[in-house]
C-alpha cells in the first residue's frame, strides 16, 4: 500500500487543521493505522492510532481532547482532526499503516508499522 498525507499548513495557536492520509494499492481496511510526528531536532513520536475497523482509537496524552483520529474505509482515507493547536504541535506529521493487528502500547512504536507516508508540515504560530 502507498500512503499520501496532506492537509498540513500554517495556523495560529488555538486554530484547527484536518490532516488526511489516502491509501492506494490495497484497501485501507486491511491495515491498522496511525499518525506520528517529528519536530526539528527531536525523535519521531506517536500521536494517535486507529484499528482497521475504526472501532478502537488510542492517543498520546498530549493530544487527548484536542485531536480526533478517524477513517473512512470506503474512501481508503484516514483523518486527523486537530483542534486547539499549540506551538508545540509544530512538526512534520506522518501517517503509517500496519498489516498485522497491533493493540495496546504496541501502537506507540513506529517499528510496528510497515508502511509510511511522506509527511506533511504543520506549523503553529504563537
N, C-alpha and C. Protein backbone atom coordinates (compact mmCIF):
# COMPACT_ATOMS: atom_id res chain seq x y z
N UNK A 1 0.86 -1.19 0.00
CA UNK A 1 0.00 0.00 0.00
C UNK A 1 0.90 1.24 0.00
N UNK A 2 0.41 2.28 -0.68
CA UNK A 2 1.10 3.57 -0.66
C UNK A 2 0.23 4.56 0.12
N UNK A 3 0.89 5.40 0.90
CA UNK A 3 0.20 6.37 1.73
C UNK A 3 0.60 7.78 1.33
N UNK A 4 -0.39 8.65 1.25
CA UNK A 4 -0.15 10.05 0.88
C UNK A 4 -0.81 10.94 1.91
N UNK A 5 0.01 11.64 2.70
CA UNK A 5 -0.51 12.56 3.71
C UNK A 5 -0.66 13.95 3.12
N UNK A 6 -1.70 14.65 3.56
CA UNK A 6 -1.93 16.01 3.10
C UNK A 6 -2.70 16.79 4.16
N UNK A 7 -2.82 18.09 3.96
CA UNK A 7 -3.63 18.92 4.84
C UNK A 7 -2.86 19.78 5.81
N UNK A 8 -1.54 19.66 5.82
CA UNK A 8 -0.76 20.50 6.70
C UNK A 8 -0.77 21.95 6.27
N UNK A 9 -0.23 22.80 7.13
CA UNK A 9 -0.16 24.22 6.81
C UNK A 9 0.25 25.03 8.00
N UNK A 10 0.10 26.34 7.86
CA UNK A 10 0.44 27.29 8.91
C UNK A 10 -0.86 27.78 9.56
N UNK A 11 -0.93 27.70 10.88
CA UNK A 11 -2.13 28.11 11.59
C UNK A 11 -1.72 28.79 12.89
N UNK A 12 -2.54 29.69 13.37
CA UNK A 12 -2.27 30.35 14.64
C UNK A 12 -2.65 29.43 15.80
N UNK A 13 -2.02 29.67 16.93
CA UNK A 13 -2.35 28.92 18.13
C UNK A 13 -3.85 29.04 18.41
N UNK A 14 -4.44 27.92 18.78
CA UNK A 14 -5.88 27.87 19.00
C UNK A 14 -6.69 27.49 17.78
N UNK A 15 -6.04 27.45 16.64
CA UNK A 15 -6.72 27.11 15.40
C UNK A 15 -6.84 25.62 15.17
N UNK A 16 -7.34 25.26 14.00
CA UNK A 16 -7.60 23.86 13.67
C UNK A 16 -7.06 23.52 12.28
N UNK A 17 -6.74 22.27 12.12
CA UNK A 17 -6.37 21.71 10.83
C UNK A 17 -6.89 20.28 10.77
N UNK A 18 -7.15 19.79 9.57
CA UNK A 18 -7.50 18.38 9.38
C UNK A 18 -6.52 17.76 8.40
N UNK A 19 -5.81 16.77 8.88
CA UNK A 19 -4.91 16.03 8.02
C UNK A 19 -5.63 14.84 7.42
N UNK A 20 -5.23 14.48 6.22
CA UNK A 20 -5.76 13.30 5.54
C UNK A 20 -4.62 12.38 5.15
N UNK A 21 -4.90 11.11 5.11
CA UNK A 21 -3.93 10.12 4.65
C UNK A 21 -4.66 9.18 3.69
N UNK A 22 -4.36 9.31 2.42
CA UNK A 22 -5.01 8.50 1.40
C UNK A 22 -4.17 7.26 1.11
N UNK A 23 -4.82 6.12 1.13
CA UNK A 23 -4.15 4.85 0.84
C UNK A 23 -4.48 4.41 -0.57
N UNK A 24 -3.50 3.86 -1.24
CA UNK A 24 -3.73 3.33 -2.59
C UNK A 24 -2.94 2.04 -2.75
N UNK A 25 -3.39 1.22 -3.68
CA UNK A 25 -2.71 -0.03 -3.95
C UNK A 25 -3.35 -1.22 -3.27
N UNK A 26 -3.95 -0.99 -2.13
CA UNK A 26 -4.65 -2.04 -1.41
C UNK A 26 -5.63 -1.35 -0.47
N UNK A 27 -6.74 -1.99 -0.20
CA UNK A 27 -7.77 -1.38 0.64
C UNK A 27 -7.24 -1.07 2.03
N UNK A 28 -7.55 0.12 2.51
CA UNK A 28 -7.06 0.54 3.82
C UNK A 28 -7.65 -0.29 4.94
N UNK A 29 -8.77 -0.96 4.69
CA UNK A 29 -9.40 -1.77 5.73
C UNK A 29 -8.54 -2.97 6.13
N UNK A 30 -7.48 -3.22 5.38
CA UNK A 30 -6.56 -4.30 5.72
C UNK A 30 -5.50 -3.90 6.73
N UNK A 31 -5.55 -2.64 7.18
CA UNK A 31 -4.45 -2.10 7.99
C UNK A 31 -4.94 -1.38 9.24
N UNK A 32 -4.25 -1.61 10.34
CA UNK A 32 -4.31 -0.68 11.46
C UNK A 32 -3.45 0.51 11.06
N UNK A 33 -3.87 1.70 11.47
CA UNK A 33 -3.16 2.89 11.00
C UNK A 33 -2.89 3.86 12.14
N UNK A 34 -1.96 4.76 11.90
CA UNK A 34 -1.64 5.73 12.94
C UNK A 34 -1.01 6.98 12.38
N UNK A 35 -0.89 7.96 13.25
CA UNK A 35 -0.20 9.22 12.95
C UNK A 35 0.98 9.37 13.91
N UNK A 36 2.08 9.79 13.36
CA UNK A 36 3.27 10.14 14.13
C UNK A 36 3.69 11.55 13.73
N UNK A 37 4.55 12.15 14.53
CA UNK A 37 5.06 13.47 14.18
C UNK A 37 6.52 13.59 14.61
N UNK A 38 7.23 14.47 13.92
CA UNK A 38 8.63 14.71 14.24
C UNK A 38 8.91 16.19 14.15
N UNK A 39 9.28 16.75 15.29
CA UNK A 39 9.65 18.15 15.37
C UNK A 39 11.15 18.28 15.09
N UNK A 40 11.60 19.46 14.68
CA UNK A 40 13.02 19.66 14.40
C UNK A 40 13.89 19.30 15.59
N UNK A 41 14.89 18.48 15.37
CA UNK A 41 15.82 18.12 16.43
C UNK A 41 15.31 17.09 17.40
N UNK A 42 14.11 16.55 17.13
CA UNK A 42 13.52 15.58 18.05
C UNK A 42 13.25 14.27 17.33
N UNK A 43 13.05 13.23 18.11
CA UNK A 43 12.73 11.94 17.54
C UNK A 43 11.26 11.90 17.13
N UNK A 44 10.97 11.00 16.20
CA UNK A 44 9.58 10.82 15.79
C UNK A 44 8.78 10.28 16.97
N UNK A 45 7.59 10.83 17.17
CA UNK A 45 6.78 10.41 18.29
C UNK A 45 5.37 10.04 17.84
N UNK A 46 4.77 9.15 18.58
CA UNK A 46 3.42 8.68 18.32
C UNK A 46 2.41 9.77 18.66
N UNK A 47 1.36 9.86 17.83
CA UNK A 47 0.28 10.81 18.07
C UNK A 47 -1.03 10.08 18.35
N UNK A 48 -1.45 9.24 17.41
CA UNK A 48 -2.75 8.57 17.53
C UNK A 48 -2.78 7.35 16.63
N UNK A 49 -3.64 6.39 17.00
CA UNK A 49 -3.79 5.18 16.20
C UNK A 49 -5.26 4.79 16.14
N UNK A 50 -5.60 4.05 15.08
CA UNK A 50 -6.97 3.60 14.89
C UNK A 50 -6.94 2.19 14.31
N UNK A 51 -7.84 1.35 14.80
CA UNK A 51 -7.90 -0.02 14.31
C UNK A 51 -8.46 -0.06 12.90
N UNK A 52 -8.25 -1.18 12.24
CA UNK A 52 -8.66 -1.26 10.83
C UNK A 52 -10.16 -1.09 10.64
N UNK A 53 -10.95 -1.46 11.62
CA UNK A 53 -12.38 -1.27 11.52
C UNK A 53 -12.84 0.08 12.03
N UNK A 54 -11.94 0.82 12.66
CA UNK A 54 -12.27 2.13 13.18
C UNK A 54 -12.92 2.13 14.54
N UNK A 55 -13.04 0.94 15.16
CA UNK A 55 -13.76 0.86 16.42
C UNK A 55 -12.89 1.12 17.63
N UNK A 56 -11.59 1.18 17.45
CA UNK A 56 -10.68 1.41 18.57
C UNK A 56 -9.70 2.50 18.21
N UNK A 57 -9.57 3.49 19.10
CA UNK A 57 -8.62 4.57 18.90
C UNK A 57 -7.74 4.71 20.15
N UNK A 58 -6.62 5.36 19.95
CA UNK A 58 -5.64 5.49 21.04
C UNK A 58 -4.83 6.74 20.78
N UNK A 59 -4.62 7.53 21.84
CA UNK A 59 -3.95 8.82 21.69
C UNK A 59 -2.80 8.95 22.69
N UNK A 60 -1.81 9.71 22.30
CA UNK A 60 -0.83 10.10 23.28
C UNK A 60 -1.44 11.17 24.17
N UNK A 61 -0.98 11.24 25.41
CA UNK A 61 -1.64 12.11 26.39
C UNK A 61 -1.69 13.57 25.96
N UNK A 62 -0.67 14.05 25.30
CA UNK A 62 -0.57 15.48 24.99
C UNK A 62 -1.61 15.95 23.98
N UNK A 63 -2.28 15.04 23.28
CA UNK A 63 -3.27 15.46 22.28
C UNK A 63 -4.69 15.03 22.65
N UNK A 64 -4.85 14.30 23.72
CA UNK A 64 -6.18 13.84 24.13
C UNK A 64 -7.09 15.04 24.36
N UNK A 65 -8.31 14.94 23.83
CA UNK A 65 -9.27 16.02 23.98
C UNK A 65 -9.13 17.11 22.94
N UNK A 66 -8.03 17.10 22.18
CA UNK A 66 -7.82 18.13 21.14
C UNK A 66 -7.80 17.52 19.74
N UNK A 67 -7.26 16.33 19.61
CA UNK A 67 -7.15 15.65 18.31
C UNK A 67 -8.13 14.49 18.25
N UNK A 68 -8.64 14.24 17.05
CA UNK A 68 -9.51 13.10 16.83
C UNK A 68 -9.06 12.36 15.57
N UNK A 69 -8.79 11.08 15.73
CA UNK A 69 -8.42 10.24 14.59
C UNK A 69 -9.67 9.51 14.11
N UNK A 70 -9.80 9.39 12.81
CA UNK A 70 -10.95 8.69 12.24
C UNK A 70 -10.54 8.12 10.88
N UNK A 71 -11.41 7.33 10.31
CA UNK A 71 -11.11 6.77 8.99
C UNK A 71 -12.40 6.50 8.25
N UNK A 72 -12.31 6.51 6.95
CA UNK A 72 -13.41 6.17 6.06
C UNK A 72 -12.86 5.13 5.09
N UNK A 73 -13.10 3.88 5.40
CA UNK A 73 -12.53 2.81 4.57
C UNK A 73 -13.13 2.78 3.17
N UNK A 74 -14.34 3.29 3.02
CA UNK A 74 -14.93 3.36 1.69
C UNK A 74 -14.14 4.30 0.79
N UNK A 75 -13.49 5.28 1.41
CA UNK A 75 -12.66 6.23 0.67
C UNK A 75 -11.17 5.93 0.82
N UNK A 76 -10.85 4.85 1.55
CA UNK A 76 -9.44 4.49 1.79
C UNK A 76 -8.65 5.67 2.36
N UNK A 77 -9.25 6.35 3.30
CA UNK A 77 -8.64 7.56 3.84
C UNK A 77 -8.76 7.60 5.36
N UNK A 78 -7.68 8.02 5.99
CA UNK A 78 -7.65 8.25 7.44
C UNK A 78 -7.50 9.74 7.67
N UNK A 79 -8.04 10.21 8.79
CA UNK A 79 -8.00 11.64 9.10
C UNK A 79 -7.43 11.89 10.49
N UNK A 80 -6.96 13.11 10.67
CA UNK A 80 -6.59 13.58 12.00
C UNK A 80 -7.11 15.00 12.12
N UNK A 81 -8.19 15.16 12.88
CA UNK A 81 -8.74 16.49 13.15
C UNK A 81 -7.99 17.05 14.34
N UNK A 82 -7.37 18.19 14.14
CA UNK A 82 -6.56 18.80 15.19
C UNK A 82 -7.17 20.14 15.57
N UNK A 83 -7.62 20.25 16.80
CA UNK A 83 -8.21 21.48 17.31
C UNK A 83 -7.35 22.03 18.43
N UNK A 84 -7.60 23.28 18.77
CA UNK A 84 -6.87 23.94 19.87
C UNK A 84 -5.36 23.74 19.72
N UNK A 85 -4.88 23.98 18.54
CA UNK A 85 -3.46 23.72 18.27
C UNK A 85 -2.56 24.63 19.08
N UNK A 86 -1.42 24.08 19.44
CA UNK A 86 -0.42 24.79 20.24
C UNK A 86 0.89 24.85 19.47
N UNK A 87 1.75 25.81 19.75
CA UNK A 87 3.04 25.86 19.06
C UNK A 87 3.83 24.56 19.19
N UNK A 88 3.68 23.88 20.29
CA UNK A 88 4.41 22.62 20.47
C UNK A 88 3.89 21.48 19.60
N UNK A 89 2.78 21.71 18.90
CA UNK A 89 2.30 20.72 17.94
C UNK A 89 3.02 20.84 16.59
N UNK A 90 3.85 21.87 16.45
CA UNK A 90 4.58 22.07 15.20
C UNK A 90 5.50 20.89 14.92
N UNK A 91 5.34 20.30 13.74
CA UNK A 91 6.11 19.11 13.38
C UNK A 91 5.73 18.69 11.97
N UNK A 92 6.50 17.76 11.45
CA UNK A 92 6.07 17.04 10.25
C UNK A 92 5.26 15.84 10.72
N UNK A 93 4.06 15.72 10.17
CA UNK A 93 3.16 14.64 10.57
C UNK A 93 3.19 13.54 9.50
N UNK A 94 3.34 12.31 9.98
CA UNK A 94 3.42 11.15 9.10
C UNK A 94 2.28 10.19 9.40
N UNK A 95 1.71 9.62 8.34
CA UNK A 95 0.76 8.55 8.56
C UNK A 95 1.45 7.21 8.30
N UNK A 96 0.95 6.19 8.96
CA UNK A 96 1.58 4.88 8.88
C UNK A 96 0.52 3.79 8.92
N UNK A 97 0.88 2.63 8.41
CA UNK A 97 -0.05 1.51 8.36
C UNK A 97 0.65 0.22 8.75
N UNK A 98 -0.08 -0.63 9.44
CA UNK A 98 0.44 -1.93 9.84
C UNK A 98 -0.44 -3.03 9.28
N UNK A 99 0.17 -3.99 8.62
CA UNK A 99 -0.60 -5.11 8.07
C UNK A 99 -0.97 -6.12 9.14
N UNK A 100 -0.26 -6.13 10.24
CA UNK A 100 -0.60 -7.02 11.34
C UNK A 100 -1.40 -6.23 12.37
N UNK A 101 -2.24 -6.95 13.10
CA UNK A 101 -3.04 -6.30 14.13
C UNK A 101 -2.13 -5.88 15.28
N UNK A 102 -2.22 -4.64 15.69
CA UNK A 102 -1.44 -4.16 16.82
C UNK A 102 -2.41 -3.55 17.83
N UNK A 103 -2.10 -3.69 19.08
CA UNK A 103 -3.00 -3.21 20.11
C UNK A 103 -2.20 -2.78 21.32
N UNK A 104 -2.89 -2.17 22.25
CA UNK A 104 -2.25 -1.72 23.46
C UNK A 104 -1.10 -0.78 23.18
N UNK A 105 -0.09 -0.86 24.01
CA UNK A 105 1.05 0.04 23.88
C UNK A 105 1.84 -0.19 22.60
N UNK A 106 1.68 -1.32 21.97
CA UNK A 106 2.39 -1.59 20.72
C UNK A 106 2.05 -0.57 19.65
N UNK A 107 0.90 0.06 19.75
CA UNK A 107 0.50 1.04 18.76
C UNK A 107 1.40 2.27 18.79
N UNK A 108 2.13 2.47 19.87
CA UNK A 108 3.00 3.64 20.03
C UNK A 108 4.32 3.49 19.28
N UNK A 109 4.68 2.29 18.93
CA UNK A 109 6.04 2.05 18.43
C UNK A 109 6.10 2.04 16.91
N UNK A 110 6.90 2.94 16.37
CA UNK A 110 6.98 3.08 14.92
C UNK A 110 7.43 1.80 14.24
N UNK A 111 8.20 0.98 14.91
CA UNK A 111 8.72 -0.25 14.31
C UNK A 111 7.60 -1.24 13.99
N UNK A 112 6.43 -1.05 14.56
CA UNK A 112 5.31 -1.96 14.32
C UNK A 112 4.51 -1.59 13.07
N UNK A 113 4.88 -0.53 12.40
CA UNK A 113 4.19 -0.08 11.20
C UNK A 113 5.06 -0.37 9.98
N UNK A 114 4.43 -0.96 8.96
CA UNK A 114 5.18 -1.41 7.79
C UNK A 114 5.30 -0.34 6.71
N UNK A 115 4.33 0.54 6.63
CA UNK A 115 4.24 1.49 5.52
C UNK A 115 4.09 2.91 6.07
N UNK A 116 4.73 3.85 5.36
CA UNK A 116 4.75 5.24 5.80
C UNK A 116 4.47 6.18 4.65
N UNK A 117 3.74 7.25 4.96
CA UNK A 117 3.57 8.33 4.00
C UNK A 117 4.75 9.27 4.06
N UNK A 118 4.73 10.28 3.20
CA UNK A 118 5.87 11.17 3.05
C UNK A 118 5.91 12.30 4.06
N UNK A 119 4.84 12.53 4.78
CA UNK A 119 4.82 13.59 5.77
C UNK A 119 4.22 14.89 5.26
N UNK A 120 3.58 15.61 6.16
CA UNK A 120 3.02 16.92 5.85
C UNK A 120 3.34 17.86 7.00
N UNK A 121 3.80 19.07 6.66
CA UNK A 121 4.27 20.01 7.68
C UNK A 121 3.09 20.73 8.33
N UNK A 122 3.10 20.76 9.65
CA UNK A 122 2.15 21.55 10.43
C UNK A 122 2.96 22.55 11.24
N UNK A 123 2.64 23.82 11.07
CA UNK A 123 3.32 24.88 11.81
C UNK A 123 2.28 25.71 12.55
N UNK A 124 2.45 25.82 13.86
CA UNK A 124 1.52 26.57 14.69
C UNK A 124 2.26 27.77 15.25
N UNK A 125 1.80 28.95 14.91
CA UNK A 125 2.44 30.18 15.37
C UNK A 125 1.79 30.66 16.66
N UNK A 126 2.60 31.28 17.49
CA UNK A 126 2.08 31.76 18.79
C UNK A 126 1.56 33.17 18.69
